[in-house]
């Protein structure tokens, strides 16, 4: 079952029923079953209102 941002209550109920969920976050970063990221993304820092690229993962 796909869960989107803002659906935490729905996610909790599904998990209580013993079912699994697939959280579709706002970043589109996906994880494998070990928690490692799939694909590439840029890690950024937000300091003093400005974004600065930190690391390409």
PDB file of N, CA and C in Angstrom:
ATOM      1  N   UNK A   1       0.853  -1.180   0.000  1.00  0.00           N
ATOM      2  CA  UNK A   1       0.000   0.000   0.000  1.00  0.00           C
ATOM      3  C   UNK A   1       0.893   1.235   0.000  1.00  0.00           C
ATOM      4  N   UNK A   2       0.704   2.114  -0.952  1.00  0.00           N
ATOM      5  CA  UNK A   2       1.486   3.344  -1.024  1.00  0.00           C
ATOM      6  C   UNK A   2       0.936   4.365  -0.030  1.00  0.00           C
ATOM      7  N   UNK A   3       1.853   5.007   0.685  1.00  0.00           N
ATOM      8  CA  UNK A   3       1.518   6.059   1.640  1.00  0.00           C
ATOM      9  C   UNK A   3       2.269   7.313   1.199  1.00  0.00           C
ATOM     10  N   UNK A   4       1.565   8.421   1.171  1.00  0.00           N
ATOM     11  CA  UNK A   4       2.146   9.682   0.718  1.00  0.00           C
ATOM     12  C   UNK A   4       2.288  10.648   1.890  1.00  0.00           C
ATOM     13  N   UNK A   5       3.086  11.728   1.721  1.00  0.00           N
ATOM     14  CA  UNK A   5       3.244  12.692   2.805  1.00  0.00           C
ATOM     15  C   UNK A   5       1.882  13.160   3.325  1.00  0.00           C
ATOM     16  N   UNK A   6       1.771  13.248   4.640  1.00  0.00           N
ATOM     17  CA  UNK A   6       0.520  13.684   5.259  1.00  0.00           C
ATOM     18  C   UNK A   6      -0.423  12.549   5.601  1.00  0.00           C
ATOM     19  N   UNK A   7      -0.041  11.317   5.304  1.00  0.00           N
ATOM     20  CA  UNK A   7      -0.912  10.173   5.558  1.00  0.00           C
ATOM     21  C   UNK A   7      -0.399   9.287   6.701  1.00  0.00           C
ATOM     22  N   UNK A   8       0.218   9.908   7.715  1.00  0.00           N
ATOM     23  CA  UNK A   8       0.803   9.137   8.814  1.00  0.00           C
ATOM     24  C   UNK A   8      -0.249   8.321   9.563  1.00  0.00           C
ATOM     25  N   UNK A   9      -1.426   8.878   9.787  1.00  0.00           N
ATOM     26  CA  UNK A   9      -2.477   8.130  10.494  1.00  0.00           C
ATOM     27  C   UNK A   9      -2.902   6.896   9.706  1.00  0.00           C
ATOM     28  N   UNK A  10      -3.021   7.050   8.410  1.00  0.00           N
ATOM     29  CA  UNK A  10      -3.362   5.919   7.540  1.00  0.00           C
ATOM     30  C   UNK A  10      -2.275   4.855   7.621  1.00  0.00           C
ATOM     31  N   UNK A  11      -1.017   5.288   7.605  1.00  0.00           N
ATOM     32  CA  UNK A  11       0.113   4.357   7.670  1.00  0.00           C
ATOM     33  C   UNK A  11       0.108   3.575   8.976  1.00  0.00           C
ATOM     34  N   UNK A  12      -0.138   4.261  10.083  1.00  0.00           N
ATOM     35  CA  UNK A  12      -0.159   3.604  11.389  1.00  0.00           C
ATOM     36  C   UNK A  12      -1.252   2.543  11.455  1.00  0.00           C
ATOM     37  N   UNK A  13      -2.419   2.866  10.940  1.00  0.00           N
ATOM     38  CA  UNK A  13      -3.522   1.894  10.954  1.00  0.00           C
ATOM     39  C   UNK A  13      -3.183   0.656  10.116  1.00  0.00           C
ATOM     40  N   UNK A  14      -2.597   0.860   8.975  1.00  0.00           N
ATOM     41  CA  UNK A  14      -2.227  -0.266   8.104  1.00  0.00           C
ATOM     42  C   UNK A  14      -1.178  -1.135   8.793  1.00  0.00           C
ATOM     43  N   UNK A  15      -0.197  -0.501   9.428  1.00  0.00           N
ATOM     44  CA  UNK A  15       0.834  -1.251  10.138  1.00  0.00           C
ATOM     45  C   UNK A  15       0.250  -2.015  11.324  1.00  0.00           C
ATOM     46  N   UNK A  16      -0.705  -1.419  12.019  1.00  0.00           N
ATOM     47  CA  UNK A  16      -1.373  -2.110  13.141  1.00  0.00           C
ATOM     48  C   UNK A  16      -2.101  -3.366  12.673  1.00  0.00           C
ATOM     49  N   UNK A  17      -2.573  -3.345  11.449  1.00  0.00           N
ATOM     50  CA  UNK A  17      -3.267  -4.504  10.881  1.00  0.00           C
ATOM     51  C   UNK A  17      -2.277  -5.580  10.428  1.00  0.00           C
ATOM     52  N   UNK A  18      -0.984  -5.308  10.583  1.00  0.00           N
ATOM     53  CA  UNK A  18       0.035  -6.274  10.207  1.00  0.00           C
ATOM     54  C   UNK A  18       0.400  -6.248   8.735  1.00  0.00           C
ATOM     55  N   UNK A  19      -0.064  -5.234   8.025  1.00  0.00           N
ATOM     56  CA  UNK A  19       0.243  -5.108   6.599  1.00  0.00           C
ATOM     57  C   UNK A  19       1.463  -4.226   6.413  1.00  0.00           C
ATOM     58  N   UNK A  20       2.076  -4.289   5.252  1.00  0.00           N
ATOM     59  CA  UNK A  20       3.244  -3.450   4.973  1.00  0.00           C
ATOM     60  C   UNK A  20       2.829  -2.221   4.176  1.00  0.00           C
ATOM     61  N   UNK A  21       3.673  -1.202   4.247  1.00  0.00           N
ATOM     62  CA  UNK A  21       3.421   0.035   3.512  1.00  0.00           C
ATOM     63  C   UNK A  21       4.631   0.366   2.655  1.00  0.00           C
ATOM     64  N   UNK A  22       4.413   1.216   1.669  1.00  0.00           N
ATOM     65  CA  UNK A  22       5.466   1.752   0.813  1.00  0.00           C
ATOM     66  C   UNK A  22       5.348   3.260   0.895  1.00  0.00           C
ATOM     67  N   UNK A  23       6.212   3.896   1.709  1.00  0.00           N
ATOM     68  CA  UNK A  23       6.153   5.344   1.867  1.00  0.00           C
ATOM     69  C   UNK A  23       6.743   6.023   0.647  1.00  0.00           C
ATOM     70  N   UNK A  24       5.936   6.817  -0.020  1.00  0.00           N
ATOM     71  CA  UNK A  24       6.360   7.599  -1.182  1.00  0.00           C
ATOM     72  C   UNK A  24       6.594   9.026  -0.704  1.00  0.00           C
ATOM     73  N   UNK A  25       7.816   9.318  -0.264  1.00  0.00           N
ATOM     74  CA  UNK A  25       8.134  10.640   0.269  1.00  0.00           C
ATOM     75  C   UNK A  25       8.184  11.707  -0.804  1.00  0.00           C
ATOM     76  N   UNK A  26       8.413  12.915  -0.360  1.00  0.00           N
ATOM     77  CA  UNK A  26       8.431  14.050  -1.280  1.00  0.00           C
ATOM     78  C   UNK A  26       9.721  14.141  -2.076  1.00  0.00           C
ATOM     79  N   UNK A  27      10.736  13.360  -1.698  1.00  0.00           N
ATOM     80  CA  UNK A  27      12.029  13.465  -2.369  1.00  0.00           C
ATOM     81  C   UNK A  27      12.193  12.521  -3.546  1.00  0.00           C
ATOM     82  N   UNK A  28      11.370  11.512  -3.647  1.00  0.00           N
ATOM     83  CA  UNK A  28      11.468  10.473  -4.678  1.00  0.00           C
ATOM     84  C   UNK A  28      12.686   9.576  -4.498  1.00  0.00           C
ATOM     85  N   UNK A  29      13.358   9.665  -3.356  1.00  0.00           N
ATOM     86  CA  UNK A  29      14.466   8.766  -3.067  1.00  0.00           C
ATOM     87  C   UNK A  29      13.874   7.436  -2.614  1.00  0.00           C
ATOM     88  N   UNK A  30      14.356   6.352  -3.202  1.00  0.00           N
ATOM     89  CA  UNK A  30      13.857   5.027  -2.839  1.00  0.00           C
ATOM     90  C   UNK A  30      14.940   4.250  -2.111  1.00  0.00           C
ATOM     91  N   UNK A  31      14.507   3.310  -1.273  1.00  0.00           N
ATOM     92  CA  UNK A  31      15.417   2.503  -0.484  1.00  0.00           C
ATOM     93  C   UNK A  31      15.204   1.028  -0.792  1.00  0.00           C
ATOM     94  N   UNK A  32      16.280   0.254  -0.700  1.00  0.00           N
ATOM     95  CA  UNK A  32      16.134  -1.190  -0.858  1.00  0.00           C
ATOM     96  C   UNK A  32      15.757  -1.792   0.503  1.00  0.00           C
ATOM     97  N   UNK A  33      15.653  -3.108   0.577  1.00  0.00           N
ATOM     98  CA  UNK A  33      15.193  -3.744   1.813  1.00  0.00           C
ATOM     99  C   UNK A  33      16.196  -3.605   2.962  1.00  0.00           C
ATOM    100  N   UNK A  34      17.418  -3.171   2.660  1.00  0.00           N
ATOM    101  CA  UNK A  34      18.431  -2.965   3.690  1.00  0.00           C
ATOM    102  C   UNK A  34      18.522  -1.505   4.138  1.00  0.00           C
ATOM    103  N   UNK A  35      17.756  -0.626   3.506  1.00  0.00           N
ATOM    104  CA  UNK A  35      17.774   0.791   3.847  1.00  0.00           C
ATOM    105  C   UNK A  35      18.772   1.606   3.052  1.00  0.00           C
ATOM    106  N   UNK A  36      19.417   0.980   2.061  1.00  0.00           N
ATOM    107  CA  UNK A  36      20.348   1.709   1.204  1.00  0.00           C
ATOM    108  C   UNK A  36      19.571   2.413   0.098  1.00  0.00           C
ATOM    109  N   UNK A  37      20.057   3.583  -0.326  1.00  0.00           N
ATOM    110  CA  UNK A  37      19.365   4.350  -1.362  1.00  0.00           C
ATOM    111  C   UNK A  37      19.609   3.768  -2.742  1.00  0.00           C
ATOM    112  N   UNK A  38      18.613   3.915  -3.590  1.00  0.00           N
ATOM    113  CA  UNK A  38      18.699   3.489  -4.985  1.00  0.00           C
ATOM    114  C   UNK A  38      18.823   4.736  -5.853  1.00  0.00           C
ATOM    115  N   UNK A  39      19.683   4.692  -6.835  1.00  0.00           N
ATOM    116  CA  UNK A  39      19.847   5.832  -7.723  1.00  0.00           C
ATOM    117  C   UNK A  39      20.719   6.907  -7.112  1.00  0.00           C
ATOM    118  N   UNK A  40      20.730   8.082  -7.741  1.00  0.00           N
ATOM    119  CA  UNK A  40      21.554   9.203  -7.294  1.00  0.00           C
ATOM    120  C   UNK A  40      20.692  10.338  -6.766  1.00  0.00           C
ATOM    121  N   UNK A  41      21.242  11.045  -5.788  1.00  0.00           N
ATOM    122  CA  UNK A  41      20.600  12.264  -5.313  1.00  0.00           C
ATOM    123  C   UNK A  41      21.662  13.162  -4.706  1.00  0.00           C
ATOM    124  N   UNK A  42      21.359  14.442  -4.604  1.00  0.00           N
ATOM    125  CA  UNK A  42      22.296  15.412  -4.057  1.00  0.00           C
ATOM    126  C   UNK A  42      21.888  15.729  -2.623  1.00  0.00           C
ATOM    127  N   UNK A  43      22.796  15.490  -1.696  1.00  0.00           N
ATOM    128  CA  UNK A  43      22.586  15.862  -0.301  1.00  0.00           C
ATOM    129  C   UNK A  43      22.924  17.343  -0.180  1.00  0.00           C
ATOM    130  N   UNK A  44      22.060  18.130   0.455  1.00  0.00           N
ATOM    131  CA  UNK A  44      22.283  19.568   0.561  1.00  0.00           C
ATOM    132  C   UNK A  44      22.213  20.029   2.010  1.00  0.00           C
ATOM    133  N   UNK A  45      22.849  21.157   2.284  1.00  0.00           N
ATOM    134  CA  UNK A  45      22.768  21.835   3.572  1.00  0.00           C
ATOM    135  C   UNK A  45      21.975  23.124   3.371  1.00  0.00           C
ATOM    136  N   UNK A  46      21.186  23.469   4.361  1.00  0.00           N
ATOM    137  CA  UNK A  46      20.458  24.736   4.353  1.00  0.00           C
ATOM    138  C   UNK A  46      21.020  25.578   5.490  1.00  0.00           C
ATOM    139  N   UNK A  47      21.738  26.635   5.115  1.00  0.00           N
ATOM    140  CA  UNK A  47      22.321  27.524   6.111  1.00  0.00           C
ATOM    141  C   UNK A  47      22.011  28.958   5.733  1.00  0.00           C
ATOM    142  N   UNK A  48      21.504  29.689   6.709  1.00  0.00           N
ATOM    143  CA  UNK A  48      21.173  31.101   6.517  1.00  0.00           C
ATOM    144  C   UNK A  48      20.286  31.305   5.301  1.00  0.00           C
ATOM    145  N   UNK A  49      19.343  30.390   5.108  1.00  0.00           N
ATOM    146  CA  UNK A  49      18.380  30.518   4.018  1.00  0.00           C
ATOM    147  C   UNK A  49      18.886  30.137   2.655  1.00  0.00           C
ATOM    148  N   UNK A  50      20.085  29.569   2.569  1.00  0.00           N
ATOM    149  CA  UNK A  50      20.649  29.207   1.272  1.00  0.00           C
ATOM    150  C   UNK A  50      20.974  27.709   1.227  1.00  0.00           C
ATOM    151  N   UNK A  51      20.692  27.101   0.088  1.00  0.00           N
ATOM    152  CA  UNK A  51      21.015  25.693  -0.124  1.00  0.00           C
ATOM    153  C   UNK A  51      22.415  25.580  -0.701  1.00  0.00           C
ATOM    154  N   UNK A  52      23.183  24.647  -0.176  1.00  0.00           N
ATOM    155  CA  UNK A  52      24.523  24.403  -0.708  1.00  0.00           C
ATOM    156  C   UNK A  52      24.688  22.902  -0.898  1.00  0.00           C
ATOM    157  N   UNK A  53      25.078  22.514  -2.124  1.00  0.00           N
ATOM    158  CA  UNK A  53      25.313  21.110  -2.397  1.00  0.00           C
ATOM    159  C   UNK A  53      26.400  20.563  -1.503  1.00  0.00           C
ATOM    160  N   UNK A  54      26.146  19.405  -0.894  1.00  0.00           N
ATOM    161  CA  UNK A  54      27.099  18.831   0.042  1.00  0.00           C
ATOM    162  C   UNK A  54      27.753  17.578  -0.534  1.00  0.00           C
ATOM    163  N   UNK A  55      26.940  16.636  -0.979  1.00  0.00           N
ATOM    164  CA  UNK A  55      27.489  15.362  -1.443  1.00  0.00           C
ATOM    165  C   UNK A  55      26.529  14.720  -2.455  1.00  0.00           C
ATOM    166  N   UNK A  56      27.084  14.194  -3.529  1.00  0.00           N
ATOM    167  CA  UNK A  56      26.307  13.432  -4.488  1.00  0.00           C
ATOM    168  C   UNK A  56      26.353  11.984  -4.040  1.00  0.00           C
ATOM    169  N   UNK A  57      25.189  11.400  -3.848  1.00  0.00           N
ATOM    170  CA  UNK A  57      25.119  10.018  -3.370  1.00  0.00           C
ATOM    171  C   UNK A  57      24.498   9.152  -4.420  1.00  0.00           C
TER     172      UNK A  57
END
